[in-house]
């Protein structure tokens, strides 16, 4: 990017969700949308409720990537139903990696929460994850399905470059250190995100950029920890109006070229 993208503040006259936009936030929540529908309001509402209760100075930054047919659906929802959200409209599709990088560039907090718009956080999520940043570069919660069952506590990388979600239980008070966990909800210090160079935009539009970043975090820092005391609901594939644009084989080939030693040492795919 040639420079920071412009930011507008949503200001609905009768907001369904009023975000407390702190002038000096401790925490910046960054969400990337792509033709996303009303589910983003649930994500923002959950963030606002839990962080207001925790008395955390925060801001919410939404980067609304341009979608070929949904166009301004997300931003219209935000302007009609929210106030205090910092809205970024790139005018093109930056992808997941580029969208998050753009949001971080405009964020003002020392701590970043990278949150998918199909994730609903629960009370205590921030406090539990924040406490673990003293000995982890990335802190992530346990991802739950809508029915409360464990969806993911990390990913396995296989010797063909494929990745497989793990659903090993992590009890409250326990920690788990996977190779990586989906970037649907990460907590990371801004300084660490910038030190590691952000997400690799070569994985446009999506997938494998989180695995690539997590491996860099493990190589150059303290890696990833999944915190059993933090849980979120992840309504998978609710983030975008259309996910068919992603060629997973192309993304996988790029990942294998970037991490040949990791892939060579990995186990075969699960049966």
C-alpha atoms as a PDB file:
ATOM      1  CA  UNK A   1       0.000   0.000   0.000  1.00  0.00           C
ATOM      2  CA  UNK A   2       1.166   3.497  -0.743  1.00  0.00           C
ATOM      3  CA  UNK A   3      -0.143   4.886   2.533  1.00  0.00           C
ATOM      4  CA  UNK A   4      -2.749   4.442   5.243  1.00  0.00           C
ATOM      5  CA  UNK A   5      -6.298   3.933   4.027  1.00  0.00           C
ATOM      6  CA  UNK A   6      -8.942   6.453   5.145  1.00  0.00           C
ATOM      7  CA  UNK A   7     -11.075   5.631   8.175  1.00  0.00           C
ATOM      8  CA  UNK A   8     -14.651   6.657   8.829  1.00  0.00           C
ATOM      9  CA  UNK A   9     -16.479   6.289  12.138  1.00  0.00           C
ATOM     10  CA  UNK A  10     -19.899   4.671  11.970  1.00  0.00           C
ATOM     11  CA  UNK A  11     -22.541   6.784  13.675  1.00  0.00           C
ATOM     12  CA  UNK A  12     -26.022   5.278  13.467  1.00  0.00           C
ATOM     13  CA  UNK A  13     -28.705   7.605  14.903  1.00  0.00           C
ATOM     14  CA  UNK A  14     -30.248   4.654  16.779  1.00  0.00           C
ATOM     15  CA  UNK A  15     -27.438   2.112  17.021  1.00  0.00           C
ATOM     16  CA  UNK A  16     -28.163  -1.498  17.846  1.00  0.00           C
ATOM     17  CA  UNK A  17     -24.544  -1.744  18.985  1.00  0.00           C
ATOM     18  CA  UNK A  18     -22.689   1.201  20.509  1.00  0.00           C
ATOM     19  CA  UNK A  19     -18.941   0.649  20.500  1.00  0.00           C
ATOM     20  CA  UNK A  20     -16.859   2.517  23.053  1.00  0.00           C
ATOM     21  CA  UNK A  21     -14.150   3.934  20.782  1.00  0.00           C
ATOM     22  CA  UNK A  22     -11.348   4.820  23.212  1.00  0.00           C
ATOM     23  CA  UNK A  23      -9.033   7.686  22.302  1.00  0.00           C
ATOM     24  CA  UNK A  24      -6.062   5.753  23.686  1.00  0.00           C
ATOM     25  CA  UNK A  25      -7.039   2.092  23.384  1.00  0.00           C
ATOM     26  CA  UNK A  26      -5.129  -0.700  25.042  1.00  0.00           C
ATOM     27  CA  UNK A  27      -6.706  -3.172  22.624  1.00  0.00           C
ATOM     28  CA  UNK A  28      -7.486  -2.910  18.915  1.00  0.00           C
ATOM     29  CA  UNK A  29      -9.898  -5.484  17.516  1.00  0.00           C
ATOM     30  CA  UNK A  30      -9.434  -5.935  13.756  1.00  0.00           C
ATOM     31  CA  UNK A  31     -12.111  -7.647  11.652  1.00  0.00           C
ATOM     32  CA  UNK A  32     -11.852  -8.240   7.893  1.00  0.00           C
ATOM     33  CA  UNK A  33     -15.089  -8.602   5.934  1.00  0.00           C
ATOM     34  CA  UNK A  34     -15.844  -9.638   2.366  1.00  0.00           C
ATOM     35  CA  UNK A  35     -19.490  -9.396   1.465  1.00  0.00           C
ATOM     36  CA  UNK A  36     -20.278 -10.393   5.050  1.00  0.00           C
ATOM     37  CA  UNK A  37     -23.883 -10.286   6.207  1.00  0.00           C
ATOM     38  CA  UNK A  38     -25.551  -9.649   9.592  1.00  0.00           C
ATOM     39  CA  UNK A  39     -23.323 -12.143  11.409  1.00  0.00           C
ATOM     40  CA  UNK A  40     -20.715  -9.368  11.686  1.00  0.00           C
ATOM     41  CA  UNK A  41     -23.106  -7.483  13.989  1.00  0.00           C
ATOM     42  CA  UNK A  42     -23.146 -10.462  16.346  1.00  0.00           C
ATOM     43  CA  UNK A  43     -19.346 -10.507  16.385  1.00  0.00           C
ATOM     44  CA  UNK A  44     -19.071  -6.785  17.092  1.00  0.00           C
ATOM     45  CA  UNK A  45     -21.816  -6.932  19.703  1.00  0.00           C
ATOM     46  CA  UNK A  46     -20.062  -9.738  21.572  1.00  0.00           C
ATOM     47  CA  UNK A  47     -16.756  -7.846  21.499  1.00  0.00           C
ATOM     48  CA  UNK A  48     -18.357  -4.646  22.769  1.00  0.00           C
ATOM     49  CA  UNK A  49     -20.308  -6.366  25.575  1.00  0.00           C
ATOM     50  CA  UNK A  50     -17.408  -8.389  26.910  1.00  0.00           C
ATOM     51  CA  UNK A  51     -14.852  -5.576  26.704  1.00  0.00           C
ATOM     52  CA  UNK A  52     -17.185  -2.996  28.271  1.00  0.00           C
ATOM     53  CA  UNK A  53     -17.815  -5.402  31.159  1.00  0.00           C
ATOM     54  CA  UNK A  54     -14.062  -5.934  31.538  1.00  0.00           C
ATOM     55  CA  UNK A  55     -13.508  -2.147  31.558  1.00  0.00           C
ATOM     56  CA  UNK A  56     -10.920  -2.382  28.779  1.00  0.00           C
ATOM     57  CA  UNK A  57     -10.038   0.651  26.639  1.00  0.00           C
ATOM     58  CA  UNK A  58     -10.584  -0.669  23.127  1.00  0.00           C
ATOM     59  CA  UNK A  59     -11.440   0.128  19.530  1.00  0.00           C
ATOM     60  CA  UNK A  60     -12.975  -1.957  16.750  1.00  0.00           C
ATOM     61  CA  UNK A  61     -11.565  -1.599  13.237  1.00  0.00           C
ATOM     62  CA  UNK A  62     -13.426  -3.218  10.340  1.00  0.00           C
ATOM     63  CA  UNK A  63     -11.714  -3.507   6.959  1.00  0.00           C
ATOM     64  CA  UNK A  64     -14.472  -4.114   4.399  1.00  0.00           C
ATOM     65  CA  UNK A  65     -12.910  -5.682   1.314  1.00  0.00           C
ATOM     66  CA  UNK A  66     -14.628  -4.999  -1.994  1.00  0.00           C
ATOM     67  CA  UNK A  67     -16.862  -7.873  -3.118  1.00  0.00           C
ATOM     68  CA  UNK A  68     -17.825  -8.385  -6.734  1.00  0.00           C
ATOM     69  CA  UNK A  69     -21.583  -8.645  -6.105  1.00  0.00           C
ATOM     70  CA  UNK A  70     -22.258  -8.005  -2.410  1.00  0.00           C
ATOM     71  CA  UNK A  71     -20.443  -4.659  -2.751  1.00  0.00           C
ATOM     72  CA  UNK A  72     -21.425  -2.339   0.121  1.00  0.00           C
ATOM     73  CA  UNK A  73     -23.667  -4.765   2.034  1.00  0.00           C
ATOM     74  CA  UNK A  74     -21.422  -4.931   5.104  1.00  0.00           C
ATOM     75  CA  UNK A  75     -20.734  -1.237   5.377  1.00  0.00           C
ATOM     76  CA  UNK A  76     -24.450  -0.436   5.044  1.00  0.00           C
ATOM     77  CA  UNK A  77     -25.170  -2.817   7.927  1.00  0.00           C
ATOM     78  CA  UNK A  78     -22.477  -1.182  10.053  1.00  0.00           C
ATOM     79  CA  UNK A  79     -23.671   2.344   9.319  1.00  0.00           C
ATOM     80  CA  UNK A  80     -27.288   1.440  10.069  1.00  0.00           C
ATOM     81  CA  UNK A  81     -26.754  -0.605  13.212  1.00  0.00           C
ATOM     82  CA  UNK A  82     -23.512   0.478  14.922  1.00  0.00           C
ATOM     83  CA  UNK A  83     -21.792   3.538  16.258  1.00  0.00           C
ATOM     84  CA  UNK A  84     -18.142   3.967  17.129  1.00  0.00           C
ATOM     85  CA  UNK A  85     -16.799   1.344  14.702  1.00  0.00           C
ATOM     86  CA  UNK A  86     -13.772   2.512  12.713  1.00  0.00           C
ATOM     87  CA  UNK A  87     -14.576   1.499   9.134  1.00  0.00           C
ATOM     88  CA  UNK A  88     -11.943   1.079   6.420  1.00  0.00           C
ATOM     89  CA  UNK A  89     -13.041   0.713   2.782  1.00  0.00           C
ATOM     90  CA  UNK A  90     -10.042  -0.205   0.575  1.00  0.00           C
ATOM     91  CA  UNK A  91     -12.049  -0.101  -2.677  1.00  0.00           C
ATOM     92  CA  UNK A  92     -10.584  -3.482  -3.680  1.00  0.00           C
ATOM     93  CA  UNK A  93     -10.186  -6.940  -2.224  1.00  0.00           C
ATOM     94  CA  UNK A  94      -7.031  -6.990  -0.111  1.00  0.00           C
ATOM     95  CA  UNK A  95      -7.703 -10.573   0.957  1.00  0.00           C
ATOM     96  CA  UNK A  96      -7.466 -11.861   4.509  1.00  0.00           C
ATOM     97  CA  UNK A  97      -3.758 -11.131   4.878  1.00  0.00           C
ATOM     98  CA  UNK A  98      -3.824  -7.679   3.280  1.00  0.00           C
ATOM     99  CA  UNK A  99      -7.024  -6.718   5.073  1.00  0.00           C
ATOM    100  CA  UNK A 100      -5.596  -7.571   8.474  1.00  0.00           C
ATOM    101  CA  UNK A 101      -2.328  -5.825   7.661  1.00  0.00           C
ATOM    102  CA  UNK A 102      -4.253  -2.688   6.677  1.00  0.00           C
ATOM    103  CA  UNK A 103      -6.328  -2.820   9.857  1.00  0.00           C
ATOM    104  CA  UNK A 104      -3.234  -3.214  12.017  1.00  0.00           C
ATOM    105  CA  UNK A 105      -1.580  -0.277  10.248  1.00  0.00           C
ATOM    106  CA  UNK A 106      -4.475   1.939  11.350  1.00  0.00           C
ATOM    107  CA  UNK A 107      -4.920   0.407  14.801  1.00  0.00           C
ATOM    108  CA  UNK A 108      -3.842   2.411  17.842  1.00  0.00           C
ATOM    109  CA  UNK A 109      -3.679  -0.244  20.561  1.00  0.00           C
ATOM    110  CA  UNK A 110      -0.583  -1.986  21.881  1.00  0.00           C
ATOM    111  CA  UNK A 111      -2.435  -5.308  21.816  1.00  0.00           C
ATOM    112  CA  UNK A 112      -4.243  -6.668  18.743  1.00  0.00           C
ATOM    113  CA  UNK A 113      -7.199  -9.016  18.568  1.00  0.00           C
ATOM    114  CA  UNK A 114      -7.573 -10.417  15.059  1.00  0.00           C
ATOM    115  CA  UNK A 115     -11.153 -11.669  15.002  1.00  0.00           C
ATOM    116  CA  UNK A 116     -13.184 -13.205  12.194  1.00  0.00           C
ATOM    117  CA  UNK A 117     -16.649 -11.715  11.723  1.00  0.00           C
ATOM    118  CA  UNK A 118     -18.135 -15.198  12.261  1.00  0.00           C
ATOM    119  CA  UNK A 119     -16.708 -15.472  15.794  1.00  0.00           C
ATOM    120  CA  UNK A 120     -18.628 -14.624  18.963  1.00  0.00           C
ATOM    121  CA  UNK A 121     -16.362 -14.129  21.973  1.00  0.00           C
ATOM    122  CA  UNK A 122     -17.498 -14.907  25.514  1.00  0.00           C
ATOM    123  CA  UNK A 123     -16.922 -13.200  28.867  1.00  0.00           C
ATOM    124  CA  UNK A 124     -13.331 -13.375  30.091  1.00  0.00           C
ATOM    125  CA  UNK A 125     -11.807 -14.181  26.715  1.00  0.00           C
ATOM    126  CA  UNK A 126      -9.578 -11.127  26.620  1.00  0.00           C
ATOM    127  CA  UNK A 127      -8.322 -11.372  30.191  1.00  0.00           C
ATOM    128  CA  UNK A 128      -7.458 -15.061  29.776  1.00  0.00           C
ATOM    129  CA  UNK A 129      -5.593 -14.549  26.495  1.00  0.00           C
ATOM    130  CA  UNK A 130      -3.858 -11.349  27.607  1.00  0.00           C
ATOM    131  CA  UNK A 131      -2.335 -13.108  30.612  1.00  0.00           C
ATOM    132  CA  UNK A 132      -0.547 -15.582  28.333  1.00  0.00           C
ATOM    133  CA  UNK A 133       1.188 -13.027  26.112  1.00  0.00           C
ATOM    134  CA  UNK A 134       4.024 -12.930  28.634  1.00  0.00           C
ATOM    135  CA  UNK A 135       5.260 -16.292  27.295  1.00  0.00           C
ATOM    136  CA  UNK A 136       3.580 -16.687  23.902  1.00  0.00           C
ATOM    137  CA  UNK A 137       3.614 -14.624  20.716  1.00  0.00           C
ATOM    138  CA  UNK A 138       0.084 -15.703  19.758  1.00  0.00           C
ATOM    139  CA  UNK A 139      -2.638 -16.529  22.282  1.00  0.00           C
ATOM    140  CA  UNK A 140      -5.828 -18.147  20.992  1.00  0.00           C
ATOM    141  CA  UNK A 141      -8.998 -19.518  22.579  1.00  0.00           C
ATOM    142  CA  UNK A 142     -10.666 -22.891  22.256  1.00  0.00           C
ATOM    143  CA  UNK A 143     -13.001 -22.698  19.251  1.00  0.00           C
ATOM    144  CA  UNK A 144     -16.455 -24.173  19.814  1.00  0.00           C
ATOM    145  CA  UNK A 145     -19.201 -25.100  17.380  1.00  0.00           C
ATOM    146  CA  UNK A 146     -22.666 -23.602  17.763  1.00  0.00           C
ATOM    147  CA  UNK A 147     -23.721 -26.557  19.928  1.00  0.00           C
ATOM    148  CA  UNK A 148     -20.816 -26.031  22.337  1.00  0.00           C
ATOM    149  CA  UNK A 149     -18.709 -28.974  21.150  1.00  0.00           C
ATOM    150  CA  UNK A 150     -14.989 -28.465  20.580  1.00  0.00           C
ATOM    151  CA  UNK A 151     -14.297 -27.408  17.005  1.00  0.00           C
ATOM    152  CA  UNK A 152     -10.583 -26.689  17.103  1.00  0.00           C
ATOM    153  CA  UNK A 153      -7.655 -26.465  19.491  1.00  0.00           C
ATOM    154  CA  UNK A 154      -4.979 -26.225  16.836  1.00  0.00           C
ATOM    155  CA  UNK A 155      -3.926 -27.654  13.481  1.00  0.00           C
ATOM    156  CA  UNK A 156      -1.728 -30.497  12.336  1.00  0.00           C
ATOM    157  CA  UNK A 157       0.488 -29.924   9.278  1.00  0.00           C
ATOM    158  CA  UNK A 158       0.874 -33.076   7.161  1.00  0.00           C
ATOM    159  CA  UNK A 159       3.716 -34.140   4.869  1.00  0.00           C
ATOM    160  CA  UNK A 160       1.784 -33.150   1.742  1.00  0.00           C
ATOM    161  CA  UNK A 161       1.311 -29.603   3.047  1.00  0.00           C
ATOM    162  CA  UNK A 162      -2.324 -30.142   3.980  1.00  0.00           C
ATOM    163  CA  UNK A 163      -3.564 -28.999   7.385  1.00  0.00           C
ATOM    164  CA  UNK A 164      -5.985 -30.775   9.698  1.00  0.00           C
ATOM    165  CA  UNK A 165      -7.895 -29.275  12.631  1.00  0.00           C
ATOM    166  CA  UNK A 166      -7.382 -30.871  16.032  1.00  0.00           C
ATOM    167  CA  UNK A 167     -10.150 -31.024  18.599  1.00  0.00           C
ATOM    168  CA  UNK A 168      -8.220 -32.207  21.649  1.00  0.00           C
ATOM    169  CA  UNK A 169      -9.970 -30.939  24.798  1.00  0.00           C
ATOM    170  CA  UNK A 170      -8.152 -28.163  26.676  1.00  0.00           C
ATOM    171  CA  UNK A 171      -9.698 -27.722  30.105  1.00  0.00           C
ATOM    172  CA  UNK A 172     -10.060 -24.340  31.842  1.00  0.00           C
ATOM    173  CA  UNK A 173      -6.725 -23.500  33.430  1.00  0.00           C
ATOM    174  CA  UNK A 174      -4.805 -25.673  30.956  1.00  0.00           C
ATOM    175  CA  UNK A 175      -2.623 -24.568  28.040  1.00  0.00           C
ATOM    176  CA  UNK A 176      -1.919 -26.297  24.752  1.00  0.00           C
ATOM    177  CA  UNK A 177       0.896 -25.494  22.327  1.00  0.00           C
ATOM    178  CA  UNK A 178      -0.065 -26.551  18.780  1.00  0.00           C
ATOM    179  CA  UNK A 179       1.970 -25.893  15.661  1.00  0.00           C
ATOM    180  CA  UNK A 180      -0.632 -23.303  14.808  1.00  0.00           C
ATOM    181  CA  UNK A 181      -4.281 -22.477  15.321  1.00  0.00           C
ATOM    182  CA  UNK A 182      -6.680 -20.747  12.924  1.00  0.00           C
ATOM    183  CA  UNK A 183      -6.381 -16.962  12.915  1.00  0.00           C
ATOM    184  CA  UNK A 184     -10.131 -16.669  13.476  1.00  0.00           C
ATOM    185  CA  UNK A 185      -9.302 -15.244  16.903  1.00  0.00           C
ATOM    186  CA  UNK A 186      -5.742 -14.345  17.814  1.00  0.00           C
ATOM    187  CA  UNK A 187      -4.360 -12.054  20.466  1.00  0.00           C
ATOM    188  CA  UNK A 188      -0.893 -10.691  19.734  1.00  0.00           C
ATOM    189  CA  UNK A 189       1.165  -7.677  20.671  1.00  0.00           C
ATOM    190  CA  UNK A 190       1.319  -5.082  17.939  1.00  0.00           C
ATOM    191  CA  UNK A 191       5.112  -4.967  18.264  1.00  0.00           C
ATOM    192  CA  UNK A 192       5.362  -8.723  17.611  1.00  0.00           C
ATOM    193  CA  UNK A 193       3.013  -8.557  14.612  1.00  0.00           C
ATOM    194  CA  UNK A 194       5.113  -5.798  13.079  1.00  0.00           C
ATOM    195  CA  UNK A 195       8.428  -7.442  14.008  1.00  0.00           C
ATOM    196  CA  UNK A 196       7.370 -10.589  12.157  1.00  0.00           C
ATOM    197  CA  UNK A 197       6.306  -8.575   9.110  1.00  0.00           C
ATOM    198  CA  UNK A 198       2.558  -9.157   9.315  1.00  0.00           C
ATOM    199  CA  UNK A 199       0.756 -11.695   7.165  1.00  0.00           C
ATOM    200  CA  UNK A 200       2.257 -12.709   3.817  1.00  0.00           C
ATOM    201  CA  UNK A 201      -0.038 -11.139   1.202  1.00  0.00           C
ATOM    202  CA  UNK A 202       1.175 -13.683  -1.345  1.00  0.00           C
ATOM    203  CA  UNK A 203      -1.487 -16.011   0.054  1.00  0.00           C
ATOM    204  CA  UNK A 204      -4.190 -13.862  -1.522  1.00  0.00           C
ATOM    205  CA  UNK A 205      -7.103 -14.067  -1.123  1.00  0.00           C
ATOM    206  CA  UNK A 206      -7.014 -16.471   1.857  1.00  0.00           C
ATOM    207  CA  UNK A 207      -5.734 -19.624   3.598  1.00  0.00           C
ATOM    208  CA  UNK A 208      -2.299 -20.670   4.816  1.00  0.00           C
ATOM    209  CA  UNK A 209      -1.292 -17.117   5.783  1.00  0.00           C
ATOM    210  CA  UNK A 210      -2.033 -17.984   9.426  1.00  0.00           C
ATOM    211  CA  UNK A 211       0.047 -21.179   9.294  1.00  0.00           C
ATOM    212  CA  UNK A 212       2.911 -19.259   7.689  1.00  0.00           C
ATOM    213  CA  UNK A 213       2.778 -16.506  10.320  1.00  0.00           C
ATOM    214  CA  UNK A 214       2.534 -18.980  13.212  1.00  0.00           C
ATOM    215  CA  UNK A 215       5.620 -20.837  11.998  1.00  0.00           C
ATOM    216  CA  UNK A 216       7.524 -17.564  11.833  1.00  0.00           C
ATOM    217  CA  UNK A 217       6.333 -16.795  15.369  1.00  0.00           C
ATOM    218  CA  UNK A 218       7.586 -20.199  16.555  1.00  0.00           C
ATOM    219  CA  UNK A 219      10.938 -19.748  14.800  1.00  0.00           C
ATOM    220  CA  UNK A 220      11.570 -16.172  15.981  1.00  0.00           C
ATOM    221  CA  UNK A 221       9.570 -15.960  19.201  1.00  0.00           C
ATOM    222  CA  UNK A 222       7.470 -17.991  21.601  1.00  0.00           C
ATOM    223  CA  UNK A 223       4.993 -19.538  19.193  1.00  0.00           C
ATOM    224  CA  UNK A 224       1.312 -20.163  19.812  1.00  0.00           C
ATOM    225  CA  UNK A 225      -0.637 -21.125  22.905  1.00  0.00           C
ATOM    226  CA  UNK A 226      -4.285 -22.190  23.128  1.00  0.00           C
ATOM    227  CA  UNK A 227      -5.816 -21.108  26.435  1.00  0.00           C
ATOM    228  CA  UNK A 228      -8.414 -23.443  27.906  1.00  0.00           C
ATOM    229  CA  UNK A 229      -9.958 -20.681  30.008  1.00  0.00           C
ATOM    230  CA  UNK A 230     -10.976 -18.750  26.880  1.00  0.00           C
ATOM    231  CA  UNK A 231     -13.696 -20.044  24.577  1.00  0.00           C
ATOM    232  CA  UNK A 232     -15.396 -18.539  21.525  1.00  0.00           C
ATOM    233  CA  UNK A 233     -18.129 -19.739  19.169  1.00  0.00           C
ATOM    234  CA  UNK A 234     -16.944 -19.995  15.573  1.00  0.00           C
ATOM    235  CA  UNK A 235     -19.678 -20.182  12.948  1.00  0.00           C
ATOM    236  CA  UNK A 236     -17.402 -21.392  10.175  1.00  0.00           C
ATOM    237  CA  UNK A 237     -17.735 -20.009   6.653  1.00  0.00           C
ATOM    238  CA  UNK A 238     -19.918 -17.174   7.851  1.00  0.00           C
ATOM    239  CA  UNK A 239     -17.254 -14.540   7.170  1.00  0.00           C
ATOM    240  CA  UNK A 240     -17.759 -14.174   3.445  1.00  0.00           C
ATOM    241  CA  UNK A 241     -20.535 -14.191   0.889  1.00  0.00           C
ATOM    242  CA  UNK A 242     -18.561 -16.554  -1.336  1.00  0.00           C
ATOM    243  CA  UNK A 243     -15.496 -18.670  -0.583  1.00  0.00           C
ATOM    244  CA  UNK A 244     -15.212 -20.399  -3.942  1.00  0.00           C
ATOM    245  CA  UNK A 245     -12.522 -18.038  -5.204  1.00  0.00           C
ATOM    246  CA  UNK A 246      -9.755 -19.730  -3.208  1.00  0.00           C
ATOM    247  CA  UNK A 247      -7.576 -22.325  -4.955  1.00  0.00           C
ATOM    248  CA  UNK A 248      -6.323 -24.376  -2.010  1.00  0.00           C
ATOM    249  CA  UNK A 249      -3.844 -26.345  -4.106  1.00  0.00           C
ATOM    250  CA  UNK A 250      -2.133 -23.129  -5.201  1.00  0.00           C
ATOM    251  CA  UNK A 251      -1.990 -21.880  -1.616  1.00  0.00           C
ATOM    252  CA  UNK A 252      -0.670 -25.230  -0.431  1.00  0.00           C
ATOM    253  CA  UNK A 253       2.062 -25.242  -3.078  1.00  0.00           C
ATOM    254  CA  UNK A 254       3.208 -21.794  -1.955  1.00  0.00           C
ATOM    255  CA  UNK A 255       3.264 -22.948   1.657  1.00  0.00           C
ATOM    256  CA  UNK A 256       5.320 -26.039   0.782  1.00  0.00           C
ATOM    257  CA  UNK A 257       7.856 -23.882  -1.055  1.00  0.00           C
ATOM    258  CA  UNK A 258       8.102 -21.535   1.923  1.00  0.00           C
ATOM    259  CA  UNK A 259       8.450 -24.287   4.564  1.00  0.00           C
ATOM    260  CA  UNK A 260      10.038 -27.356   2.900  1.00  0.00           C
ATOM    261  CA  UNK A 261      11.768 -28.551   6.086  1.00  0.00           C
ATOM    262  CA  UNK A 262       8.561 -28.342   8.142  1.00  0.00           C
ATOM    263  CA  UNK A 263       6.563 -30.228   5.541  1.00  0.00           C
ATOM    264  CA  UNK A 264       9.274 -32.871   5.054  1.00  0.00           C
ATOM    265  CA  UNK A 265       9.380 -33.598   8.789  1.00  0.00           C
ATOM    266  CA  UNK A 266       5.577 -33.697   9.161  1.00  0.00           C
ATOM    267  CA  UNK A 267       3.516 -36.893   9.595  1.00  0.00           C
ATOM    268  CA  UNK A 268       1.247 -38.229   6.840  1.00  0.00           C
ATOM    269  CA  UNK A 269      -2.322 -36.934   6.687  1.00  0.00           C
ATOM    270  CA  UNK A 270      -4.708 -38.548   9.184  1.00  0.00           C
ATOM    271  CA  UNK A 271      -6.773 -41.419   7.882  1.00  0.00           C
END
